[in-house]
Amino acid sequence: MNQPEPNTPVAMLWDFFGPNGLHTAEHHRIHLDEFATAKELTPLALEVLQMPDKTSVSMVLPWSAVQELRPILKPHRGQIWSQSLGEKQ
């Protein structure tokens, strides 16, 4: 698989399940926002996404930043991002 271009927006995603999934995801988003502020990052998106089977938190940054932060933040998964996470590429 080819690597994305450095400025390609990539969503790092954390998934939460069960009856407390939404609450946990919202709390995790707060910590990601604090991390972004401390590191002077400007995410293209930082949001909680509710789906029928899980709740996810998405933080979107350029691929170059994701490469650096992935070992620190340990997202569960990632994907190329376009305005709506429902639009996978």
N, C-alpha and C. Protein backbone atom coordinates (compact mmCIF):
# COMPACT_ATOMS: atom_id res chain seq x y z
N MET A 1 0.85 -1.19 0.00
CA MET A 1 0.00 0.00 0.00
C MET A 1 0.88 1.24 0.00
N ASN A 2 0.55 2.21 -0.82
CA ASN A 2 1.31 3.45 -0.90
C ASN A 2 1.01 4.34 0.30
N GLN A 3 2.02 5.09 0.71
CA GLN A 3 1.85 6.05 1.80
C GLN A 3 1.11 7.28 1.27
N PRO A 4 0.24 7.87 2.07
CA PRO A 4 -0.41 9.12 1.65
C PRO A 4 0.62 10.24 1.54
N GLU A 5 0.27 11.27 0.81
CA GLU A 5 1.09 12.48 0.74
C GLU A 5 1.11 13.12 2.13
N PRO A 6 2.19 13.85 2.48
CA PRO A 6 2.31 14.43 3.84
C PRO A 6 1.12 15.27 4.28
N ASN A 7 0.47 15.99 3.36
CA ASN A 7 -0.65 16.87 3.75
C ASN A 7 -2.01 16.20 3.64
N THR A 8 -2.05 14.93 3.28
CA THR A 8 -3.33 14.21 3.18
C THR A 8 -3.98 14.12 4.55
N PRO A 9 -5.24 14.55 4.68
CA PRO A 9 -5.91 14.44 5.98
C PRO A 9 -6.20 12.98 6.33
N VAL A 10 -5.82 12.59 7.53
CA VAL A 10 -6.03 11.22 8.01
C VAL A 10 -6.72 11.29 9.37
N ALA A 11 -7.75 10.47 9.51
CA ALA A 11 -8.49 10.40 10.78
C ALA A 11 -7.90 9.29 11.64
N MET A 12 -7.50 9.65 12.84
CA MET A 12 -7.16 8.66 13.86
C MET A 12 -8.45 8.41 14.63
N LEU A 13 -8.78 7.13 14.85
CA LEU A 13 -10.05 6.79 15.46
C LEU A 13 -9.87 5.89 16.68
N TRP A 14 -10.66 6.18 17.69
CA TRP A 14 -10.72 5.37 18.90
C TRP A 14 -12.16 4.91 19.05
N ASP A 15 -12.37 3.61 19.24
CA ASP A 15 -13.72 3.04 19.31
C ASP A 15 -14.08 2.64 20.74
N PHE A 16 -15.32 2.90 21.11
CA PHE A 16 -15.83 2.58 22.44
C PHE A 16 -17.17 1.87 22.29
N PHE A 17 -17.36 0.83 23.11
CA PHE A 17 -18.53 -0.03 23.00
C PHE A 17 -19.28 -0.08 24.32
N GLY A 18 -20.49 -0.59 24.24
CA GLY A 18 -21.28 -0.84 25.44
C GLY A 18 -22.08 0.36 25.89
N PRO A 19 -22.78 0.19 27.02
CA PRO A 19 -23.69 1.23 27.49
C PRO A 19 -22.98 2.53 27.89
N ASN A 20 -21.71 2.46 28.24
CA ASN A 20 -20.97 3.67 28.62
C ASN A 20 -20.10 4.19 27.48
N GLY A 21 -20.25 3.62 26.29
CA GLY A 21 -19.41 3.99 25.16
C GLY A 21 -19.46 5.47 24.82
N LEU A 22 -20.66 6.04 24.79
CA LEU A 22 -20.80 7.46 24.46
C LEU A 22 -20.12 8.33 25.50
N HIS A 23 -20.38 8.05 26.77
CA HIS A 23 -19.78 8.84 27.85
C HIS A 23 -18.24 8.76 27.80
N THR A 24 -17.73 7.55 27.59
CA THR A 24 -16.28 7.36 27.52
C THR A 24 -15.69 8.08 26.32
N ALA A 25 -16.37 8.01 25.18
CA ALA A 25 -15.89 8.69 23.98
C ALA A 25 -15.86 10.20 24.17
N GLU A 26 -16.91 10.75 24.76
CA GLU A 26 -16.94 12.19 25.02
C GLU A 26 -15.81 12.61 25.95
N HIS A 27 -15.53 11.80 26.95
CA HIS A 27 -14.44 12.09 27.88
C HIS A 27 -13.08 12.00 27.16
N HIS A 28 -12.93 11.01 26.32
CA HIS A 28 -11.68 10.85 25.56
C HIS A 28 -11.46 12.04 24.63
N ARG A 29 -12.55 12.55 24.03
CA ARG A 29 -12.44 13.71 23.14
C ARG A 29 -11.91 14.93 23.90
N ILE A 30 -12.33 15.08 25.14
CA ILE A 30 -11.84 16.20 25.95
C ILE A 30 -10.32 16.10 26.13
N HIS A 31 -9.82 14.90 26.42
CA HIS A 31 -8.38 14.72 26.59
C HIS A 31 -7.62 14.94 25.28
N LEU A 32 -8.20 14.52 24.16
CA LEU A 32 -7.56 14.77 22.87
C LEU A 32 -7.51 16.26 22.56
N ASP A 33 -8.57 16.98 22.92
CA ASP A 33 -8.59 18.43 22.72
C ASP A 33 -7.52 19.09 23.58
N GLU A 34 -7.37 18.65 24.81
CA GLU A 34 -6.32 19.19 25.69
C GLU A 34 -4.93 18.89 25.12
N PHE A 35 -4.75 17.68 24.60
CA PHE A 35 -3.47 17.30 23.99
C PHE A 35 -3.17 18.20 22.79
N ALA A 36 -4.16 18.39 21.93
CA ALA A 36 -3.99 19.23 20.75
C ALA A 36 -3.62 20.66 21.14
N THR A 37 -4.27 21.18 22.16
CA THR A 37 -3.96 22.54 22.62
C THR A 37 -2.54 22.62 23.16
N ALA A 38 -2.16 21.65 23.97
CA ALA A 38 -0.81 21.64 24.56
C ALA A 38 0.28 21.54 23.50
N LYS A 39 0.00 20.79 22.43
CA LYS A 39 0.98 20.58 21.36
C LYS A 39 0.83 21.58 20.22
N GLU A 40 -0.10 22.55 20.40
CA GLU A 40 -0.37 23.58 19.40
C GLU A 40 -0.74 22.98 18.05
N LEU A 41 -1.59 21.95 18.10
CA LEU A 41 -2.11 21.32 16.89
C LEU A 41 -3.47 21.92 16.56
N THR A 42 -3.78 21.94 15.29
CA THR A 42 -5.09 22.40 14.85
C THR A 42 -5.74 21.29 14.03
N PRO A 43 -6.46 20.39 14.69
CA PRO A 43 -7.11 19.31 13.95
C PRO A 43 -8.14 19.85 12.95
N LEU A 44 -8.25 19.18 11.81
CA LEU A 44 -9.30 19.53 10.85
C LEU A 44 -10.66 19.14 11.40
N ALA A 45 -10.68 18.14 12.25
CA ALA A 45 -11.91 17.71 12.93
C ALA A 45 -11.51 16.99 14.20
N LEU A 46 -12.32 17.15 15.21
CA LEU A 46 -12.18 16.42 16.47
C LEU A 46 -13.61 16.23 16.97
N GLU A 47 -14.13 15.01 16.76
CA GLU A 47 -15.55 14.81 17.00
C GLU A 47 -15.86 13.41 17.51
N VAL A 48 -17.03 13.32 18.14
CA VAL A 48 -17.56 12.05 18.59
C VAL A 48 -18.59 11.61 17.56
N LEU A 49 -18.46 10.36 17.11
CA LEU A 49 -19.35 9.82 16.09
C LEU A 49 -20.10 8.63 16.66
N GLN A 50 -21.43 8.73 16.75
CA GLN A 50 -22.24 7.64 17.28
C GLN A 50 -22.74 6.78 16.14
N MET A 51 -22.53 5.47 16.26
CA MET A 51 -23.02 4.50 15.30
C MET A 51 -23.84 3.47 16.07
N PRO A 52 -24.60 2.64 15.37
CA PRO A 52 -25.45 1.68 16.09
C PRO A 52 -24.66 0.72 16.99
N ASP A 53 -23.48 0.31 16.57
CA ASP A 53 -22.74 -0.71 17.32
C ASP A 53 -21.58 -0.17 18.15
N LYS A 54 -21.25 1.11 18.01
CA LYS A 54 -20.13 1.68 18.76
C LYS A 54 -20.19 3.20 18.69
N THR A 55 -19.36 3.82 19.50
CA THR A 55 -19.15 5.26 19.45
C THR A 55 -17.67 5.47 19.23
N SER A 56 -17.32 6.34 18.28
CA SER A 56 -15.92 6.59 17.96
C SER A 56 -15.57 8.05 18.17
N VAL A 57 -14.31 8.27 18.47
CA VAL A 57 -13.76 9.62 18.50
C VAL A 57 -12.81 9.72 17.33
N SER A 58 -12.91 10.80 16.59
CA SER A 58 -12.08 11.02 15.42
C SER A 58 -11.27 12.30 15.60
N MET A 59 -9.98 12.21 15.35
CA MET A 59 -9.13 13.40 15.31
C MET A 59 -8.41 13.38 13.96
N VAL A 60 -8.62 14.42 13.17
CA VAL A 60 -8.09 14.47 11.82
C VAL A 60 -6.94 15.46 11.75
N LEU A 61 -5.80 14.96 11.26
CA LEU A 61 -4.59 15.76 11.10
C LEU A 61 -3.92 15.36 9.78
N PRO A 62 -2.99 16.16 9.29
CA PRO A 62 -2.23 15.75 8.11
C PRO A 62 -1.43 14.48 8.39
N TRP A 63 -1.24 13.67 7.36
CA TRP A 63 -0.53 12.40 7.48
C TRP A 63 0.82 12.57 8.17
N SER A 64 1.54 13.63 7.87
CA SER A 64 2.86 13.83 8.48
C SER A 64 2.76 13.91 10.00
N ALA A 65 1.71 14.56 10.51
CA ALA A 65 1.51 14.66 11.97
C ALA A 65 1.03 13.32 12.54
N VAL A 66 0.18 12.62 11.80
CA VAL A 66 -0.33 11.33 12.25
C VAL A 66 0.82 10.34 12.44
N GLN A 67 1.76 10.34 11.50
CA GLN A 67 2.90 9.43 11.61
C GLN A 67 3.67 9.66 12.92
N GLU A 68 3.82 10.91 13.28
CA GLU A 68 4.56 11.26 14.50
C GLU A 68 3.75 10.95 15.76
N LEU A 69 2.44 11.18 15.71
CA LEU A 69 1.61 11.06 16.91
C LEU A 69 1.03 9.67 17.13
N ARG A 70 0.98 8.86 16.11
CA ARG A 70 0.37 7.53 16.23
C ARG A 70 0.98 6.70 17.37
N PRO A 71 2.32 6.65 17.52
CA PRO A 71 2.88 5.87 18.62
C PRO A 71 2.56 6.45 20.01
N ILE A 72 2.30 7.74 20.07
CA ILE A 72 2.00 8.40 21.34
C ILE A 72 0.53 8.23 21.71
N LEU A 73 -0.36 8.49 20.75
CA LEU A 73 -1.80 8.49 21.02
C LEU A 73 -2.45 7.11 20.86
N LYS A 74 -1.81 6.21 20.16
CA LYS A 74 -2.26 4.82 19.99
C LYS A 74 -3.73 4.70 19.57
N PRO A 75 -4.09 5.28 18.41
CA PRO A 75 -5.47 5.12 17.95
C PRO A 75 -5.75 3.65 17.64
N HIS A 76 -7.02 3.28 17.70
CA HIS A 76 -7.43 1.91 17.39
C HIS A 76 -7.34 1.63 15.90
N ARG A 77 -7.57 2.68 15.10
CA ARG A 77 -7.52 2.53 13.65
C ARG A 77 -7.39 3.90 13.01
N GLY A 78 -7.25 3.93 11.71
CA GLY A 78 -7.13 5.18 10.98
C GLY A 78 -7.64 5.02 9.56
N GLN A 79 -7.96 6.15 8.94
CA GLN A 79 -8.40 6.13 7.56
C GLN A 79 -8.21 7.50 6.93
N ILE A 80 -8.06 7.49 5.61
CA ILE A 80 -8.01 8.75 4.87
C ILE A 80 -9.34 9.45 5.11
N TRP A 81 -9.30 10.76 5.26
CA TRP A 81 -10.49 11.52 5.63
C TRP A 81 -10.92 12.44 4.49
N SER A 82 -12.21 12.54 4.28
CA SER A 82 -12.79 13.57 3.44
C SER A 82 -14.00 14.08 4.17
N GLN A 83 -14.21 15.32 4.20
CA GLN A 83 -15.18 16.07 5.02
C GLN A 83 -16.09 15.25 5.93
N SER A 84 -16.57 14.12 5.50
CA SER A 84 -17.41 13.27 6.34
C SER A 84 -16.75 11.93 6.50
N LEU A 85 -16.62 11.46 7.72
CA LEU A 85 -15.99 10.15 7.94
C LEU A 85 -16.78 9.04 7.27
N GLY A 86 -18.02 9.29 6.97
CA GLY A 86 -18.81 8.30 6.26
C GLY A 86 -18.30 8.10 4.83
N GLU A 87 -17.46 9.00 4.36
CA GLU A 87 -16.93 8.91 3.00
C GLU A 87 -15.50 8.40 3.06
N LYS A 88 -15.34 7.11 3.24
CA LYS A 88 -14.00 6.51 3.26
C LYS A 88 -13.41 6.53 1.87
N GLN A 89 -12.08 6.62 1.83
CA GLN A 89 -11.39 6.54 0.55
C GLN A 89 -10.51 5.34 0.52
